[in-house]
């Protein structure tokens, strides 16, 4: 049986994971773009906290008060309302231009 704190932690982790995927330039462009699209509609830490405060929630969720401890493996942090993920673009190939030597 999933406990409310485990459910909240899983949502916070999943949001942070989407942020990590979107910002990892070593991943294929399609994966990074999919992460951005999903993150746009995924609950933020604010949404999770709000759902936890509802008087009669359909799914019981504990308020994510321990967010900092949960995110030690996610350097870019959780998915917050303030998170802005840029649309991933192809890296432009170096057009044979050389850097000036000083």
PDB file of N, CA and C in Angstrom:
ATOM      1  N   UNK A   1       0.845  -1.171   0.000  1.00  0.00           N
ATOM      2  CA  UNK A   1       0.000   0.000   0.000  1.00  0.00           C
ATOM      3  C   UNK A   1       0.897   1.243   0.000  1.00  0.00           C
ATOM      4  N   UNK A   2       0.593   2.171  -0.884  1.00  0.00           N
ATOM      5  CA  UNK A   2       1.373   3.400  -0.978  1.00  0.00           C
ATOM      6  C   UNK A   2       0.919   4.397   0.077  1.00  0.00           C
ATOM      7  N   UNK A   3       1.870   4.899   0.825  1.00  0.00           N
ATOM      8  CA  UNK A   3       1.580   5.898   1.855  1.00  0.00           C
ATOM      9  C   UNK A   3       1.498   7.289   1.211  1.00  0.00           C
ATOM     10  N   UNK A   4       0.743   8.221   1.802  1.00  0.00           N
ATOM     11  CA  UNK A   4       0.635   9.569   1.233  1.00  0.00           C
ATOM     12  C   UNK A   4       1.985  10.258   1.034  1.00  0.00           C
ATOM     13  N   UNK A   5       2.913  10.065   1.959  1.00  0.00           N
ATOM     14  CA  UNK A   5       4.234  10.694   1.804  1.00  0.00           C
ATOM     15  C   UNK A   5       4.997  10.087   0.626  1.00  0.00           C
ATOM     16  N   UNK A   6       4.829   8.786   0.395  1.00  0.00           N
ATOM     17  CA  UNK A   6       5.486   8.131  -0.738  1.00  0.00           C
ATOM     18  C   UNK A   6       4.904   8.637  -2.055  1.00  0.00           C
ATOM     19  N   UNK A   7       3.598   8.858  -2.086  1.00  0.00           N
ATOM     20  CA  UNK A   7       2.940   9.369  -3.289  1.00  0.00           C
ATOM     21  C   UNK A   7       3.451  10.781  -3.598  1.00  0.00           C
ATOM     22  N   UNK A   8       3.518  11.633  -2.588  1.00  0.00           N
ATOM     23  CA  UNK A   8       4.015  13.000  -2.788  1.00  0.00           C
ATOM     24  C   UNK A   8       5.471  12.978  -3.246  1.00  0.00           C
ATOM     25  N   UNK A   9       6.283  12.160  -2.608  1.00  0.00           N
ATOM     26  CA  UNK A   9       7.705  12.067  -2.969  1.00  0.00           C
ATOM     27  C   UNK A   9       7.859  11.594  -4.414  1.00  0.00           C
ATOM     28  N   UNK A  10       7.057  10.625  -4.822  1.00  0.00           N
ATOM     29  CA  UNK A  10       7.135  10.122  -6.195  1.00  0.00           C
ATOM     30  C   UNK A  10       6.789  11.205  -7.208  1.00  0.00           C
ATOM     31  N   UNK A  11       5.783  12.019  -6.896  1.00  0.00           N
ATOM     32  CA  UNK A  11       5.432  13.120  -7.798  1.00  0.00           C
ATOM     33  C   UNK A  11       6.556  14.155  -7.872  1.00  0.00           C
ATOM     34  N   UNK A  12       7.148  14.487  -6.743  1.00  0.00           N
ATOM     35  CA  UNK A  12       8.258  15.450  -6.725  1.00  0.00           C
ATOM     36  C   UNK A  12       9.442  14.882  -7.501  1.00  0.00           C
ATOM     37  N   UNK A  13       9.762  13.615  -7.268  1.00  0.00           N
ATOM     38  CA  UNK A  13      10.875  12.973  -7.987  1.00  0.00           C
ATOM     39  C   UNK A  13      10.624  12.947  -9.493  1.00  0.00           C
ATOM     40  N   UNK A  14       9.415  12.585  -9.891  1.00  0.00           N
ATOM     41  CA  UNK A  14       9.105  12.503 -11.320  1.00  0.00           C
ATOM     42  C   UNK A  14       9.227  13.876 -11.982  1.00  0.00           C
ATOM     43  N   UNK A  15       8.751  14.916 -11.308  1.00  0.00           N
ATOM     44  CA  UNK A  15       8.894  16.265 -11.853  1.00  0.00           C
ATOM     45  C   UNK A  15      10.353  16.666 -11.983  1.00  0.00           C
ATOM     46  N   UNK A  16      11.143  16.371 -10.963  1.00  0.00           N
ATOM     47  CA  UNK A  16      12.578  16.679 -11.004  1.00  0.00           C
ATOM     48  C   UNK A  16      13.274  15.868 -12.098  1.00  0.00           C
ATOM     49  N   UNK A  17      12.851  14.629 -12.287  1.00  0.00           N
ATOM     50  CA  UNK A  17      13.421  13.777 -13.328  1.00  0.00           C
ATOM     51  C   UNK A  17      13.141  14.369 -14.715  1.00  0.00           C
ATOM     52  N   UNK A  18      11.938  14.900 -14.920  1.00  0.00           N
ATOM     53  CA  UNK A  18      11.616  15.541 -16.197  1.00  0.00           C
ATOM     54  C   UNK A  18      12.520  16.751 -16.439  1.00  0.00           C
ATOM     55  N   UNK A  19      12.788  17.518 -15.400  1.00  0.00           N
ATOM     56  CA  UNK A  19      13.687  18.671 -15.521  1.00  0.00           C
ATOM     57  C   UNK A  19      15.085  18.191 -15.911  1.00  0.00           C
ATOM     58  N   UNK A  20      15.564  17.135 -15.253  1.00  0.00           N
ATOM     59  CA  UNK A  20      16.896  16.594 -15.568  1.00  0.00           C
ATOM     60  C   UNK A  20      16.959  16.117 -17.019  1.00  0.00           C
ATOM     61  N   UNK A  21      15.923  15.397 -17.461  1.00  0.00           N
ATOM     62  CA  UNK A  21      15.900  14.911 -18.846  1.00  0.00           C
ATOM     63  C   UNK A  21      15.924  16.070 -19.836  1.00  0.00           C
ATOM     64  N   UNK A  22      15.117  17.080 -19.578  1.00  0.00           N
ATOM     65  CA  UNK A  22      15.014  18.217 -20.494  1.00  0.00           C
ATOM     66  C   UNK A  22      16.327  18.978 -20.617  1.00  0.00           C
ATOM     67  N   UNK A  23      17.122  19.007 -19.569  1.00  0.00           N
ATOM     68  CA  UNK A  23      18.361  19.795 -19.564  1.00  0.00           C
ATOM     69  C   UNK A  23      19.612  18.989 -19.912  1.00  0.00           C
ATOM     70  N   UNK A  24      19.479  17.686 -20.081  1.00  0.00           N
ATOM     71  CA  UNK A  24      20.638  16.831 -20.353  1.00  0.00           C
ATOM     72  C   UNK A  24      20.924  16.792 -21.852  1.00  0.00           C
ATOM     73  N   UNK A  25      21.896  17.568 -22.289  1.00  0.00           N
ATOM     74  CA  UNK A  25      22.211  17.670 -23.713  1.00  0.00           C
ATOM     75  C   UNK A  25      22.838  16.410 -24.297  1.00  0.00           C
ATOM     76  N   UNK A  26      23.172  15.439 -23.457  1.00  0.00           N
ATOM     77  CA  UNK A  26      23.723  14.190 -23.982  1.00  0.00           C
ATOM     78  C   UNK A  26      22.614  13.255 -24.470  1.00  0.00           C
ATOM     79  N   UNK A  27      21.370  13.563 -24.136  1.00  0.00           N
ATOM     80  CA  UNK A  27      20.239  12.730 -24.552  1.00  0.00           C
ATOM     81  C   UNK A  27      19.761  13.134 -25.943  1.00  0.00           C
ATOM     82  N   UNK A  28      19.098  12.213 -26.645  1.00  0.00           N
ATOM     83  CA  UNK A  28      18.553  12.559 -27.959  1.00  0.00           C
ATOM     84  C   UNK A  28      17.551  13.719 -27.855  1.00  0.00           C
ATOM     85  N   UNK A  29      17.508  14.523 -28.896  1.00  0.00           N
ATOM     86  CA  UNK A  29      16.631  15.685 -28.934  1.00  0.00           C
ATOM     87  C   UNK A  29      15.171  15.294 -28.695  1.00  0.00           C
ATOM     88  N   UNK A  30      14.723  14.188 -29.266  1.00  0.00           N
ATOM     89  CA  UNK A  30      13.327  13.754 -29.106  1.00  0.00           C
ATOM     90  C   UNK A  30      12.988  13.466 -27.642  1.00  0.00           C
ATOM     91  N   UNK A  31      13.919  12.892 -26.907  1.00  0.00           N
ATOM     92  CA  UNK A  31      13.697  12.598 -25.481  1.00  0.00           C
ATOM     93  C   UNK A  31      13.599  13.902 -24.698  1.00  0.00           C
ATOM     94  N   UNK A  32      14.502  14.834 -24.966  1.00  0.00           N
ATOM     95  CA  UNK A  32      14.488  16.121 -24.261  1.00  0.00           C
ATOM     96  C   UNK A  32      13.221  16.906 -24.560  1.00  0.00           C
ATOM     97  N   UNK A  33      12.776  16.880 -25.815  1.00  0.00           N
ATOM     98  CA  UNK A  33      11.539  17.581 -26.176  1.00  0.00           C
ATOM     99  C   UNK A  33      10.324  16.930 -25.519  1.00  0.00           C
ATOM    100  N   UNK A  34      10.294  15.604 -25.480  1.00  0.00           N
ATOM    101  CA  UNK A  34       9.183  14.911 -24.813  1.00  0.00           C
ATOM    102  C   UNK A  34       9.132  15.288 -23.335  1.00  0.00           C
ATOM    103  N   UNK A  35      10.278  15.392 -22.696  1.00  0.00           N
ATOM    104  CA  UNK A  35      10.323  15.774 -21.281  1.00  0.00           C
ATOM    105  C   UNK A  35       9.755  17.175 -21.074  1.00  0.00           C
ATOM    106  N   UNK A  36      10.059  18.100 -21.974  1.00  0.00           N
ATOM    107  CA  UNK A  36       9.533  19.466 -21.870  1.00  0.00           C
ATOM    108  C   UNK A  36       8.016  19.465 -22.031  1.00  0.00           C
ATOM    109  N   UNK A  37       7.510  18.724 -23.011  1.00  0.00           N
ATOM    110  CA  UNK A  37       6.060  18.660 -23.244  1.00  0.00           C
ATOM    111  C   UNK A  37       5.345  18.077 -22.031  1.00  0.00           C
ATOM    112  N   UNK A  38       5.850  16.994 -21.494  1.00  0.00           N
ATOM    113  CA  UNK A  38       5.224  16.355 -20.328  1.00  0.00           C
ATOM    114  C   UNK A  38       5.302  17.276 -19.112  1.00  0.00           C
ATOM    115  N   UNK A  39       6.440  17.926 -18.914  1.00  0.00           N
ATOM    116  CA  UNK A  39       6.619  18.805 -17.750  1.00  0.00           C
ATOM    117  C   UNK A  39       5.635  19.973 -17.759  1.00  0.00           C
ATOM    118  N   UNK A  40       5.238  20.417 -18.942  1.00  0.00           N
ATOM    119  CA  UNK A  40       4.285  21.536 -19.020  1.00  0.00           C
ATOM    120  C   UNK A  40       2.949  21.203 -18.363  1.00  0.00           C
ATOM    121  N   UNK A  41       2.615  19.934 -18.309  1.00  0.00           N
ATOM    122  CA  UNK A  41       1.315  19.515 -17.778  1.00  0.00           C
ATOM    123  C   UNK A  41       1.436  18.677 -16.519  1.00  0.00           C
ATOM    124  N   UNK A  42       2.631  18.569 -15.995  1.00  0.00           N
ATOM    125  CA  UNK A  42       2.885  17.752 -14.808  1.00  0.00           C
ATOM    126  C   UNK A  42       2.718  18.614 -13.564  1.00  0.00           C
ATOM    127  N   UNK A  43       2.236  18.046 -12.455  1.00  0.00           N
ATOM    128  CA  UNK A  43       2.060  18.861 -11.245  1.00  0.00           C
ATOM    129  C   UNK A  43       3.390  19.374 -10.689  1.00  0.00           C
ATOM    130  N   UNK A  44       3.396  20.653 -10.348  1.00  0.00           N
ATOM    131  CA  UNK A  44       4.567  21.278  -9.737  1.00  0.00           C
ATOM    132  C   UNK A  44       4.529  21.035  -8.231  1.00  0.00           C
ATOM    133  N   UNK A  45       5.573  21.447  -7.542  1.00  0.00           N
ATOM    134  CA  UNK A  45       5.578  21.299  -6.083  1.00  0.00           C
ATOM    135  C   UNK A  45       4.433  22.094  -5.459  1.00  0.00           C
ATOM    136  N   UNK A  46       4.087  23.240  -6.051  1.00  0.00           N
ATOM    137  CA  UNK A  46       2.946  24.021  -5.556  1.00  0.00           C
ATOM    138  C   UNK A  46       1.652  23.223  -5.718  1.00  0.00           C
ATOM    139  N   UNK A  47       1.455  22.613  -6.893  1.00  0.00           N
ATOM    140  CA  UNK A  47       0.249  21.813  -7.141  1.00  0.00           C
ATOM    141  C   UNK A  47       0.140  20.659  -6.154  1.00  0.00           C
ATOM    142  N   UNK A  48       1.262  20.010  -5.878  1.00  0.00           N
ATOM    143  CA  UNK A  48       1.265  18.873  -4.953  1.00  0.00           C
ATOM    144  C   UNK A  48       0.901  19.342  -3.548  1.00  0.00           C
ATOM    145  N   UNK A  49       1.465  20.459  -3.132  1.00  0.00           N
ATOM    146  CA  UNK A  49       1.128  21.013  -1.812  1.00  0.00           C
ATOM    147  C   UNK A  49      -0.347  21.392  -1.742  1.00  0.00           C
ATOM    148  N   UNK A  50      -0.861  21.976  -2.811  1.00  0.00           N
ATOM    149  CA  UNK A  50      -2.272  22.364  -2.857  1.00  0.00           C
ATOM    150  C   UNK A  50      -3.174  21.131  -2.761  1.00  0.00           C
ATOM    151  N   UNK A  51      -2.846  20.090  -3.532  1.00  0.00           N
ATOM    152  CA  UNK A  51      -3.654  18.862  -3.494  1.00  0.00           C
ATOM    153  C   UNK A  51      -3.665  18.251  -2.096  1.00  0.00           C
ATOM    154  N   UNK A  52      -2.567  18.382  -1.384  1.00  0.00           N
ATOM    155  CA  UNK A  52      -2.476  17.814  -0.033  1.00  0.00           C
ATOM    156  C   UNK A  52      -3.377  18.557   0.950  1.00  0.00           C
ATOM    157  N   UNK A  53      -3.682  19.823   0.651  1.00  0.00           N
ATOM    158  CA  UNK A  53      -4.508  20.623   1.563  1.00  0.00           C
ATOM    159  C   UNK A  53      -5.999  20.545   1.276  1.00  0.00           C
ATOM    160  N   UNK A  54      -6.402  19.919   0.195  1.00  0.00           N
ATOM    161  CA  UNK A  54      -7.827  19.835  -0.132  1.00  0.00           C
ATOM    162  C   UNK A  54      -8.572  19.107   0.979  1.00  0.00           C
ATOM    163  N   UNK A  55      -9.775  19.571   1.327  1.00  0.00           N
ATOM    164  CA  UNK A  55     -10.497  18.953   2.445  1.00  0.00           C
ATOM    165  C   UNK A  55     -10.922  17.510   2.175  1.00  0.00           C
ATOM    166  N   UNK A  56     -11.268  17.189   0.937  1.00  0.00           N
ATOM    167  CA  UNK A  56     -11.700  15.831   0.606  1.00  0.00           C
ATOM    168  C   UNK A  56     -10.983  15.374  -0.663  1.00  0.00           C
ATOM    169  N   UNK A  57      -9.696  15.119  -0.561  1.00  0.00           N
ATOM    170  CA  UNK A  57      -8.951  14.734  -1.766  1.00  0.00           C
ATOM    171  C   UNK A  57      -9.390  13.370  -2.283  1.00  0.00           C
ATOM    172  N   UNK A  58      -9.388  13.236  -3.607  1.00  0.00           N
ATOM    173  CA  UNK A  58      -9.713  11.936  -4.210  1.00  0.00           C
ATOM    174  C   UNK A  58      -8.589  10.944  -3.937  1.00  0.00           C
ATOM    175  N   UNK A  59      -7.377  11.446  -3.920  1.00  0.00           N
ATOM    176  CA  UNK A  59      -6.207  10.630  -3.617  1.00  0.00           C
ATOM    177  C   UNK A  59      -5.469  11.334  -2.493  1.00  0.00           C
ATOM    178  N   UNK A  60      -5.198  10.628  -1.426  1.00  0.00           N
ATOM    179  CA  UNK A  60      -4.526  11.250  -0.284  1.00  0.00           C
ATOM    180  C   UNK A  60      -3.050  11.476  -0.601  1.00  0.00           C
ATOM    181  N   UNK A  61      -2.631  12.717  -0.441  1.00  0.00           N
ATOM    182  CA  UNK A  61      -1.241  13.100  -0.681  1.00  0.00           C
ATOM    183  C   UNK A  61      -0.772  13.908   0.513  1.00  0.00           C
ATOM    184  N   UNK A  62       0.412  13.594   0.982  1.00  0.00           N
ATOM    185  CA  UNK A  62       0.993  14.362   2.081  1.00  0.00           C
ATOM    186  C   UNK A  62       1.740  15.562   1.511  1.00  0.00           C
ATOM    187  N   UNK A  63       1.675  16.670   2.199  1.00  0.00           N
ATOM    188  CA  UNK A  63       2.375  17.870   1.749  1.00  0.00           C
ATOM    189  C   UNK A  63       3.878  17.595   1.677  1.00  0.00           C
ATOM    190  N   UNK A  64       4.509  17.983   0.569  1.00  0.00           N
ATOM    191  CA  UNK A  64       5.945  17.697   0.401  1.00  0.00           C
ATOM    192  C   UNK A  64       6.830  18.655   1.189  1.00  0.00           C
ATOM    193  N   UNK A  65       6.839  18.511   2.500  1.00  0.00           N
ATOM    194  CA  UNK A  65       7.634  19.395   3.356  1.00  0.00           C
ATOM    195  C   UNK A  65       9.122  19.053   3.337  1.00  0.00           C
ATOM    196  N   UNK A  66       9.464  17.853   2.936  1.00  0.00           N
ATOM    197  CA  UNK A  66      10.856  17.394   2.974  1.00  0.00           C
ATOM    198  C   UNK A  66      11.502  17.447   1.593  1.00  0.00           C
ATOM    199  N   UNK A  67      11.087  18.385   0.768  1.00  0.00           N
ATOM    200  CA  UNK A  67      11.539  18.419  -0.621  1.00  0.00           C
ATOM    201  C   UNK A  67      13.060  18.438  -0.743  1.00  0.00           C
ATOM    202  N   UNK A  68      13.736  19.249   0.023  1.00  0.00           N
ATOM    203  CA  UNK A  68      15.199  19.359  -0.089  1.00  0.00           C
ATOM    204  C   UNK A  68      15.877  18.011   0.121  1.00  0.00           C
ATOM    205  N   UNK A  69      15.431  17.257   1.099  1.00  0.00           N
ATOM    206  CA  UNK A  69      16.031  15.949   1.376  1.00  0.00           C
ATOM    207  C   UNK A  69      15.748  14.960   0.246  1.00  0.00           C
ATOM    208  N   UNK A  70      14.604  15.105  -0.395  1.00  0.00           N
ATOM    209  CA  UNK A  70      14.229  14.178  -1.468  1.00  0.00           C
ATOM    210  C   UNK A  70      15.008  14.425  -2.751  1.00  0.00           C
ATOM    211  N   UNK A  71      15.598  15.606  -2.915  1.00  0.00           N
ATOM    212  CA  UNK A  71      16.155  16.000  -4.206  1.00  0.00           C
ATOM    213  C   UNK A  71      17.673  15.995  -4.277  1.00  0.00           C
ATOM    214  N   UNK A  72      18.324  15.291  -3.390  1.00  0.00           N
ATOM    215  CA  UNK A  72      19.791  15.300  -3.385  1.00  0.00           C
ATOM    216  C   UNK A  72      20.383  14.749  -4.679  1.00  0.00           C
ATOM    217  N   UNK A  73      19.657  13.895  -5.390  1.00  0.00           N
ATOM    218  CA  UNK A  73      20.159  13.310  -6.634  1.00  0.00           C
ATOM    219  C   UNK A  73      19.714  14.078  -7.880  1.00  0.00           C
ATOM    220  N   UNK A  74      19.066  15.226  -7.694  1.00  0.00           N
ATOM    221  CA  UNK A  74      18.546  16.010  -8.813  1.00  0.00           C
ATOM    222  C   UNK A  74      19.127  17.426  -8.763  1.00  0.00           C
ATOM    223  N   UNK A  75      20.276  17.647  -9.395  1.00  0.00           N
ATOM    224  CA  UNK A  75      20.964  18.934  -9.274  1.00  0.00           C
ATOM    225  C   UNK A  75      20.173  20.135  -9.803  1.00  0.00           C
ATOM    226  N   UNK A  76      19.261  19.927 -10.741  1.00  0.00           N
ATOM    227  CA  UNK A  76      18.484  21.046 -11.279  1.00  0.00           C
ATOM    228  C   UNK A  76      17.239  21.339 -10.451  1.00  0.00           C
ATOM    229  N   UNK A  77      17.012  20.551  -9.415  1.00  0.00           N
ATOM    230  CA  UNK A  77      15.903  20.819  -8.503  1.00  0.00           C
ATOM    231  C   UNK A  77      14.564  20.305  -8.990  1.00  0.00           C
ATOM    232  N   UNK A  78      13.509  20.601  -8.224  1.00  0.00           N
ATOM    233  CA  UNK A  78      12.183  20.089  -8.547  1.00  0.00           C
ATOM    234  C   UNK A  78      11.512  20.915  -9.646  1.00  0.00           C
ATOM    235  N   UNK A  79      10.394  20.409 -10.115  1.00  0.00           N
ATOM    236  CA  UNK A  79       9.560  21.141 -11.061  1.00  0.00           C
ATOM    237  C   UNK A  79       8.703  22.103 -10.248  1.00  0.00           C
ATOM    238  N   UNK A  80       8.982  23.385 -10.384  1.00  0.00           N
ATOM    239  CA  UNK A  80       8.254  24.421  -9.641  1.00  0.00           C
ATOM    240  C   UNK A  80       7.451  25.270 -10.626  1.00  0.00           C
ATOM    241  N   UNK A  81       6.568  26.093 -10.094  1.00  0.00           N
ATOM    242  CA  UNK A  81       5.838  27.022 -10.958  1.00  0.00           C
ATOM    243  C   UNK A  81       6.798  27.948 -11.693  1.00  0.00           C
ATOM    244  N   UNK A  82       7.916  28.249 -11.084  1.00  0.00           N
ATOM    245  CA  UNK A  82       8.893  29.164 -11.682  1.00  0.00           C
ATOM    246  C   UNK A  82       9.846  28.474 -12.664  1.00  0.00           C
ATOM    247  N   UNK A  83       9.771  27.152 -12.789  1.00  0.00           N
ATOM    248  CA  UNK A  83      10.656  26.423 -13.694  1.00  0.00           C
ATOM    249  C   UNK A  83      10.298  26.760 -15.136  1.00  0.00           C
ATOM    250  N   UNK A  84      11.270  27.179 -15.895  1.00  0.00           N
ATOM    251  CA  UNK A  84      11.078  27.469 -17.312  1.00  0.00           C
ATOM    252  C   UNK A  84      12.039  26.584 -18.093  1.00  0.00           C
ATOM    253  N   UNK A  85      11.473  25.652 -18.833  1.00  0.00           N
ATOM    254  CA  UNK A  85      12.295  24.761 -19.639  1.00  0.00           C
ATOM    255  C   UNK A  85      12.266  25.241 -21.085  1.00  0.00           C
ATOM    256  N   UNK A  86      13.418  25.566 -21.614  1.00  0.00           N
ATOM    257  CA  UNK A  86      13.513  26.013 -23.001  1.00  0.00           C
ATOM    258  C   UNK A  86      13.271  24.832 -23.933  1.00  0.00           C
ATOM    259  N   UNK A  87      12.688  25.125 -25.095  1.00  0.00           N
ATOM    260  CA  UNK A  87      12.467  24.084 -26.092  1.00  0.00           C
ATOM    261  C   UNK A  87      13.830  23.658 -26.628  1.00  0.00           C
ATOM    262  N   UNK A  88      14.178  22.370 -26.486  1.00  0.00           N
ATOM    263  CA  UNK A  88      15.491  21.905 -26.949  1.00  0.00           C
ATOM    264  C   UNK A  88      15.639  22.040 -28.466  1.00  0.00           C
ATOM    265  N   UNK A  89      16.754  22.556 -28.889  1.00  0.00           N
ATOM    266  CA  UNK A  89      17.061  22.732 -30.310  1.00  0.00           C
ATOM    267  C   UNK A  89      18.265  21.881 -30.678  1.00  0.00           C
ATOM    268  N   UNK A  90      18.394  21.636 -31.971  1.00  0.00           N
ATOM    269  CA  UNK A  90      19.569  20.926 -32.474  1.00  0.00           C
ATOM    270  C   UNK A  90      20.798  21.772 -32.181  1.00  0.00           C
ATOM    271  N   UNK A  91      21.884  21.119 -31.848  1.00  0.00           N
ATOM    272  CA  UNK A  91      23.145  21.854 -31.704  1.00  0.00           C
ATOM    273  C   UNK A  91      23.621  22.224 -33.098  1.00  0.00           C
ATOM    274  N   UNK A  92      24.002  23.476 -33.242  1.00  0.00           N
ATOM    275  CA  UNK A  92      24.508  23.912 -34.542  1.00  0.00           C
ATOM    276  C   UNK A  92      25.922  23.395 -34.724  1.00  0.00           C
ATOM    277  N   UNK A  93      26.155  22.835 -35.878  1.00  0.00           N
ATOM    278  CA  UNK A  93      27.488  22.311 -36.168  1.00  0.00           C
ATOM    279  C   UNK A  93      28.454  23.473 -36.358  1.00  0.00           C
ATOM    280  N   UNK A  94      29.661  23.258 -35.942  1.00  0.00           N
ATOM    281  CA  UNK A  94      30.700  24.251 -36.165  1.00  0.00           C
ATOM    282  C   UNK A  94      30.929  24.325 -37.669  1.00  0.00           C
ATOM    283  N   UNK A  95      30.736  25.478 -38.250  1.00  0.00           N
ATOM    284  CA  UNK A  95      30.795  25.624 -39.696  1.00  0.00           C
ATOM    285  C   UNK A  95      32.219  25.766 -40.222  1.00  0.00           C
ATOM    286  N   UNK A  96      33.132  25.097 -39.593  1.00  0.00           N
ATOM    287  CA  UNK A  96      34.502  25.121 -40.050  1.00  0.00           C
ATOM    288  C   UNK A  96      35.249  26.383 -39.650  1.00  0.00           C
ATOM    289  N   UNK A  97      34.622  27.205 -38.875  1.00  0.00           N
ATOM    290  CA  UNK A  97      35.284  28.426 -38.431  1.00  0.00           C
ATOM    291  C   UNK A  97      36.230  28.099 -37.292  1.00  0.00           C
ATOM    292  N   UNK A  98      37.357  28.716 -37.338  1.00  0.00           N
ATOM    293  CA  UNK A  98      38.338  28.481 -36.293  1.00  0.00           C
ATOM    294  C   UNK A  98      38.274  29.612 -35.297  1.00  0.00           C
ATOM    295  N   UNK A  99      38.555  29.281 -34.074  1.00  0.00           N
ATOM    296  CA  UNK A  99      38.615  30.308 -33.042  1.00  0.00           C
ATOM    297  C   UNK A  99      39.867  31.137 -33.265  1.00  0.00           C
ATOM    298  N   UNK A 100      39.746  32.457 -33.084  1.00  0.00           N
ATOM    299  CA  UNK A 100      40.948  33.290 -33.253  1.00  0.00           C
ATOM    300  C   UNK A 100      41.988  32.953 -32.196  1.00  0.00           C
ATOM    301  N   UNK A 101      43.224  32.988 -32.609  1.00  0.00           N
ATOM    302  CA  UNK A 101      44.330  32.715 -31.705  1.00  0.00           C
ATOM    303  C   UNK A 101      44.838  34.047 -31.175  1.00  0.00           C
ATOM    304  N   UNK A 102      44.969  34.155 -29.882  1.00  0.00           N
ATOM    305  CA  UNK A 102      45.457  35.401 -29.262  1.00  0.00           C
ATOM    306  C   UNK A 102      46.814  35.195 -28.686  1.00  0.00           C
TER     307      UNK A 102
END
